[in-house]
Amino acid sequence: MSTAELLSIDPHELKFVFELKKQISSSLQLSNNTDNHVAFKVKTTNPKKYCVRPNTGIILPRSTCDIMVTMQAQKEAPPDLVCKDKFLLQSVKTHDGATTKDISAEMFNKELGHVVEESKLRVVYVAPPQPPSPVAEGSEEGSSPRGSVSENGNVNGADSTTVARAFAERHESPEKSAEAKALISKALISRLTEEKNNAIQQNNKLHQELDLLRRESNKKRGGVSMIFVILIGLLGIIMGYLMKKT
């Protein structure tokens, strides 16, 4: 608050939350510090840009008056939101019972011997507050996707990718990171065990097929040998018979 002999101004600067193509308002409160009627007048260096209501008036002793300053919608913003516009508040004592109709330009003319108090107000542009960052739909704090776990505590191979993704997405939490690492380790061990079992089964199957081939080969060889022995025996009998006849 700025304190003067006649009027106090609160605040002593006009702040506008600047937005393009939008009318913006800022308010002031004038307080009469005297036991006299005080007339005031508000001037600006850019009257086409601002609308001041009221721009003149009478403030009763020990009373206040609210002033609304409206900035017209702007098509472009100044560099770095720096505004060079200024306002001037003039105040002067007047006679008791004075009203707004009694106010004239001559009352604020120093050359005519009137004691005029002047206060300068600067204009400040403030950037509008930024909206909060949007939160991804469906995401909740503390939630993390997990793969399905079998009864023996192993993670199914199809779900290991999901577990890895959960670890990557929640790596910022030490507890969740440790849990995800444990799930990944279980998934890898499960897959290695499954591949090992598959390899053992394939090896056993190959051994069984090889044994079967060997047995069939031995049967074929055994059949040929028996026929050969029988033929030799028949030939021996025939030859013995022929020799007896001769």
Protein backbone atom coordinates (compact mmCIF):
# COMPACT_ATOMS: atom_id res chain seq x y z
CA MET A 1 0.00 0.00 0.00
CA SER A 2 1.22 3.51 -0.85
CA THR A 3 0.48 6.19 1.74
CA ALA A 4 0.01 9.83 0.68
CA GLU A 5 -1.22 12.94 2.47
CA LEU A 6 -4.67 12.84 0.92
CA LEU A 7 -5.29 9.41 -0.57
CA SER A 8 -3.77 5.99 -0.03
CA ILE A 9 -3.63 3.63 -3.02
CA ASP A 10 -3.75 -0.15 -2.71
CA PRO A 11 -2.00 -1.63 -4.59
CA HIS A 12 0.39 0.94 -6.05
CA GLU A 13 0.61 -0.87 -9.40
CA LEU A 14 -1.94 -2.32 -11.80
CA LYS A 15 -1.42 -6.03 -12.39
CA PHE A 16 -3.05 -7.75 -15.37
CA VAL A 17 -2.94 -11.52 -15.95
CA PHE A 18 -2.24 -11.13 -19.64
CA GLU A 19 -4.16 -13.20 -22.18
CA LEU A 20 -4.48 -12.51 -25.90
CA LYS A 21 -7.86 -11.46 -27.35
CA LYS A 22 -9.42 -11.14 -23.91
CA GLN A 23 -10.47 -8.17 -21.78
CA ILE A 24 -8.64 -8.13 -18.46
CA SER A 25 -9.46 -6.09 -15.34
CA SER A 26 -7.50 -4.89 -12.36
CA SER A 27 -8.79 -3.05 -9.30
CA LEU A 28 -7.54 -0.28 -7.01
CA GLN A 29 -8.81 0.98 -3.68
CA LEU A 30 -8.46 4.65 -2.75
CA SER A 31 -8.65 5.60 0.93
CA ASN A 32 -9.28 9.18 2.14
CA ASN A 33 -6.88 9.85 5.02
CA THR A 34 -8.32 13.26 5.90
CA ASP A 35 -11.39 14.79 7.45
CA ASN A 36 -12.09 16.65 4.20
CA HIS A 37 -13.85 15.80 0.99
CA VAL A 38 -11.24 14.81 -1.60
CA ALA A 39 -11.74 14.89 -5.36
CA PHE A 40 -9.71 12.57 -7.56
CA LYS A 41 -9.01 12.08 -11.25
CA VAL A 42 -7.29 9.16 -13.02
CA LYS A 43 -5.25 9.69 -16.19
CA THR A 44 -3.31 7.22 -18.38
CA THR A 45 -0.69 7.48 -21.10
CA ASN A 46 -2.79 5.15 -23.31
CA PRO A 47 -6.47 6.14 -22.92
CA LYS A 48 -7.65 4.09 -25.94
CA LYS A 49 -6.29 0.90 -24.39
CA TYR A 50 -7.83 1.21 -20.91
CA CYS A 51 -11.26 1.94 -19.48
CA VAL A 52 -11.32 3.41 -15.94
CA ARG A 53 -14.53 3.34 -13.90
CA PRO A 54 -14.91 5.75 -12.21
CA ASN A 55 -12.15 7.96 -13.59
CA THR A 56 -13.24 10.91 -11.38
CA GLY A 57 -15.09 11.17 -8.11
CA ILE A 58 -15.45 12.53 -4.58
CA ILE A 59 -14.31 10.49 -1.57
CA LEU A 60 -15.89 11.38 1.75
CA PRO A 61 -13.70 11.86 4.87
CA ARG A 62 -12.18 8.61 6.16
CA SER A 63 -13.91 6.65 3.39
CA THR A 64 -12.78 4.49 0.50
CA CYS A 65 -13.53 4.17 -3.20
CA ASP A 66 -12.93 1.18 -5.49
CA ILE A 67 -11.74 1.75 -9.05
CA MET A 68 -11.88 -0.85 -11.83
CA VAL A 69 -9.41 -0.58 -14.71
CA THR A 70 -10.19 -2.75 -17.76
CA MET A 71 -7.64 -3.36 -20.50
CA GLN A 72 -9.11 -3.92 -23.96
CA ALA A 73 -8.44 -7.25 -25.69
CA GLN A 74 -4.97 -7.29 -27.22
CA LYS A 75 -4.04 -9.01 -30.51
CA GLU A 76 -0.38 -9.47 -29.60
CA ALA A 77 1.76 -9.54 -26.49
CA PRO A 78 4.65 -7.12 -25.86
CA PRO A 79 8.19 -8.58 -25.73
CA ASP A 80 8.82 -10.32 -22.40
CA LEU A 81 5.40 -9.03 -21.24
CA VAL A 82 6.95 -5.66 -20.40
CA CYS A 83 4.43 -2.80 -20.45
CA LYS A 84 5.43 0.86 -20.56
CA ASP A 85 1.95 2.26 -19.89
CA LYS A 86 1.54 4.52 -16.86
CA PHE A 87 -1.33 5.87 -14.78
CA LEU A 88 -1.51 9.15 -12.84
CA LEU A 89 -3.83 9.69 -9.90
CA GLN A 90 -4.49 13.33 -9.02
CA SER A 91 -6.25 14.31 -5.79
CA VAL A 92 -7.24 17.63 -4.28
CA LYS A 93 -9.22 18.86 -1.28
CA THR A 94 -12.64 20.26 -2.00
CA HIS A 95 -15.43 21.88 -0.03
CA ASP A 96 -17.80 19.95 2.20
CA GLY A 97 -20.85 18.57 0.43
CA ALA A 98 -19.10 18.52 -2.96
CA THR A 99 -20.37 15.94 -5.47
CA THR A 100 -19.10 14.51 -8.73
CA LYS A 101 -20.95 17.26 -10.63
CA ASP A 102 -18.71 19.82 -8.94
CA ILE A 103 -15.53 18.31 -10.39
CA SER A 104 -13.87 20.35 -13.15
CA ALA A 105 -10.53 20.35 -14.96
CA GLU A 106 -9.56 23.60 -13.22
CA MET A 107 -9.60 21.85 -9.82
CA PHE A 108 -6.48 19.87 -10.83
CA ASN A 109 -4.62 22.78 -12.45
CA LYS A 110 -1.55 23.65 -10.39
CA GLU A 111 -1.03 26.88 -12.29
CA LEU A 112 -4.24 28.20 -10.80
CA GLY A 113 -2.78 27.79 -7.31
CA HIS A 114 -4.50 24.52 -6.39
CA VAL A 115 -2.56 22.07 -4.23
CA VAL A 116 -2.72 18.89 -6.27
CA GLU A 117 -1.29 15.63 -4.99
CA GLU A 118 -0.10 13.24 -7.71
CA SER A 119 0.73 9.51 -7.57
CA LYS A 120 2.10 7.51 -10.47
CA LEU A 121 1.11 3.88 -11.01
CA ARG A 122 2.86 1.48 -13.34
CA VAL A 123 1.29 -1.39 -15.26
CA VAL A 124 2.54 -4.97 -14.77
CA TYR A 125 1.65 -7.89 -17.02
CA VAL A 126 1.65 -11.33 -15.40
CA ALA A 127 1.77 -14.59 -17.37
CA PRO A 128 -1.29 -16.84 -16.83
CA PRO A 129 -0.75 -19.95 -14.68
CA GLN A 130 0.15 -23.10 -16.60
CA PRO A 131 -2.33 -26.00 -16.47
CA PRO A 132 -1.12 -29.21 -14.76
CA SER A 133 0.36 -31.94 -16.91
CA PRO A 134 -2.21 -34.50 -18.04
CA VAL A 135 -2.03 -37.95 -16.47
CA ALA A 136 -2.18 -40.93 -18.79
CA GLU A 137 -5.62 -42.54 -18.63
CA GLY A 138 -5.70 -45.78 -16.71
CA SER A 139 -2.40 -45.21 -14.93
CA GLU A 140 -2.43 -45.25 -11.15
CA GLU A 141 0.29 -44.56 -8.65
CA GLY A 142 1.59 -47.76 -7.15
CA SER A 143 0.21 -50.07 -9.85
CA SER A 144 2.49 -52.22 -12.00
CA PRO A 145 1.66 -54.90 -14.57
CA ARG A 146 2.81 -58.43 -13.72
CA GLY A 147 3.11 -61.65 -15.62
CA SER A 148 1.10 -64.71 -14.59
CA VAL A 149 2.81 -66.96 -12.09
CA SER A 150 2.34 -70.72 -12.03
CA GLU A 151 1.77 -72.77 -8.90
CA ASN A 152 5.47 -73.68 -8.62
CA GLY A 153 6.43 -69.98 -8.56
CA ASN A 154 7.72 -69.83 -12.13
CA VAL A 155 6.60 -67.18 -14.58
CA ASN A 156 5.18 -68.46 -17.85
CA GLY A 157 7.43 -67.86 -20.84
CA ALA A 158 4.70 -65.91 -22.68
CA ASP A 159 4.52 -63.44 -19.77
CA SER A 160 8.23 -62.73 -19.42
CA THR A 161 7.98 -59.84 -21.88
CA THR A 162 5.24 -58.26 -19.78
CA VAL A 163 7.38 -58.58 -16.68
CA ALA A 164 10.33 -56.95 -18.45
CA ARG A 165 8.11 -54.09 -19.59
CA ALA A 166 6.82 -53.62 -16.05
CA PHE A 167 10.37 -53.37 -14.80
CA ALA A 168 11.30 -50.82 -17.45
CA GLU A 169 8.25 -48.66 -16.75
CA ARG A 170 8.60 -48.71 -12.95
CA HIS A 171 12.39 -48.61 -12.60
CA GLU A 172 12.22 -45.45 -10.50
CA SER A 173 10.90 -47.38 -7.45
CA PRO A 174 13.56 -49.51 -5.69
CA GLU A 175 10.99 -51.92 -4.20
CA LYS A 176 9.20 -52.44 -7.49
CA SER A 177 12.53 -52.72 -9.28
CA ALA A 178 13.68 -55.54 -6.99
CA GLU A 179 10.35 -57.32 -7.40
CA ALA A 180 10.51 -57.03 -11.19
CA LYS A 181 14.11 -58.32 -11.22
CA ALA A 182 13.06 -61.35 -9.19
CA LEU A 183 10.22 -62.09 -11.59
CA ILE A 184 12.54 -61.76 -14.57
CA SER A 185 15.08 -64.12 -12.98
CA LYS A 186 12.34 -66.69 -12.33
CA ALA A 187 11.13 -66.33 -15.91
CA LEU A 188 14.61 -66.88 -17.34
CA ILE A 189 15.27 -69.90 -15.09
CA SER A 190 11.90 -71.38 -16.04
CA ARG A 191 12.61 -71.00 -19.74
CA LEU A 192 16.11 -72.49 -19.43
CA THR A 193 14.72 -75.43 -17.45
CA GLU A 194 12.01 -75.98 -20.02
CA GLU A 195 14.52 -75.91 -22.88
CA LYS A 196 16.79 -78.35 -21.00
CA ASN A 197 13.90 -80.76 -20.43
CA ASN A 198 12.94 -80.56 -24.10
CA ALA A 199 16.53 -81.34 -25.11
CA ILE A 200 16.63 -84.36 -22.77
CA GLN A 201 13.33 -85.66 -24.18
CA GLN A 202 14.59 -85.29 -27.74
CA ASN A 203 17.79 -87.13 -26.83
CA ASN A 204 15.86 -90.00 -25.23
CA LYS A 205 13.60 -90.23 -28.26
CA LEU A 206 16.60 -90.45 -30.58
CA HIS A 207 18.13 -93.24 -28.45
CA GLN A 208 14.84 -95.19 -28.58
CA GLU A 209 14.63 -94.88 -32.35
CA LEU A 210 18.26 -95.96 -32.71
CA ASP A 211 17.68 -99.05 -30.53
CA LEU A 212 14.62 -99.94 -32.61
CA LEU A 213 16.65 -99.72 -35.83
CA ARG A 214 19.36 -101.92 -34.35
CA ARG A 215 16.85 -104.58 -33.31
CA GLU A 216 15.25 -104.67 -36.74
CA SER A 217 18.67 -104.95 -38.35
CA ASN A 218 19.63 -107.86 -36.06
CA LYS A 219 16.38 -109.66 -36.86
CA LYS A 220 17.06 -109.39 -40.57
CA ARG A 221 20.61 -110.66 -40.15
CA GLY A 222 19.44 -113.56 -37.94
CA GLY A 223 16.85 -114.67 -40.55
CA VAL A 224 19.41 -114.77 -43.36
CA SER A 225 21.86 -116.85 -41.30
CA MET A 226 19.21 -119.46 -40.40
CA ILE A 227 18.16 -119.88 -44.03
CA PHE A 228 21.78 -120.30 -45.03
CA VAL A 229 22.29 -123.06 -42.44
CA ILE A 230 19.12 -124.84 -43.56
CA LEU A 231 20.22 -124.73 -47.21
CA ILE A 232 23.61 -126.14 -46.38
CA GLY A 233 21.98 -128.90 -44.41
CA LEU A 234 19.66 -129.81 -47.28
CA LEU A 235 22.57 -129.84 -49.71
CA GLY A 236 24.48 -132.15 -47.39
CA ILE A 237 21.57 -134.57 -47.19
CA ILE A 238 21.12 -134.56 -50.96
CA MET A 239 24.79 -135.13 -51.60
CA GLY A 240 24.88 -138.03 -49.12
CA TYR A 241 21.86 -139.59 -50.77
CA LEU A 242 23.40 -139.35 -54.24
CA MET A 243 26.68 -140.84 -53.10
CA LYS A 244 24.91 -143.82 -51.57
CA LYS A 245 23.08 -144.52 -54.84
CA THR A 246 26.25 -144.42 -56.84
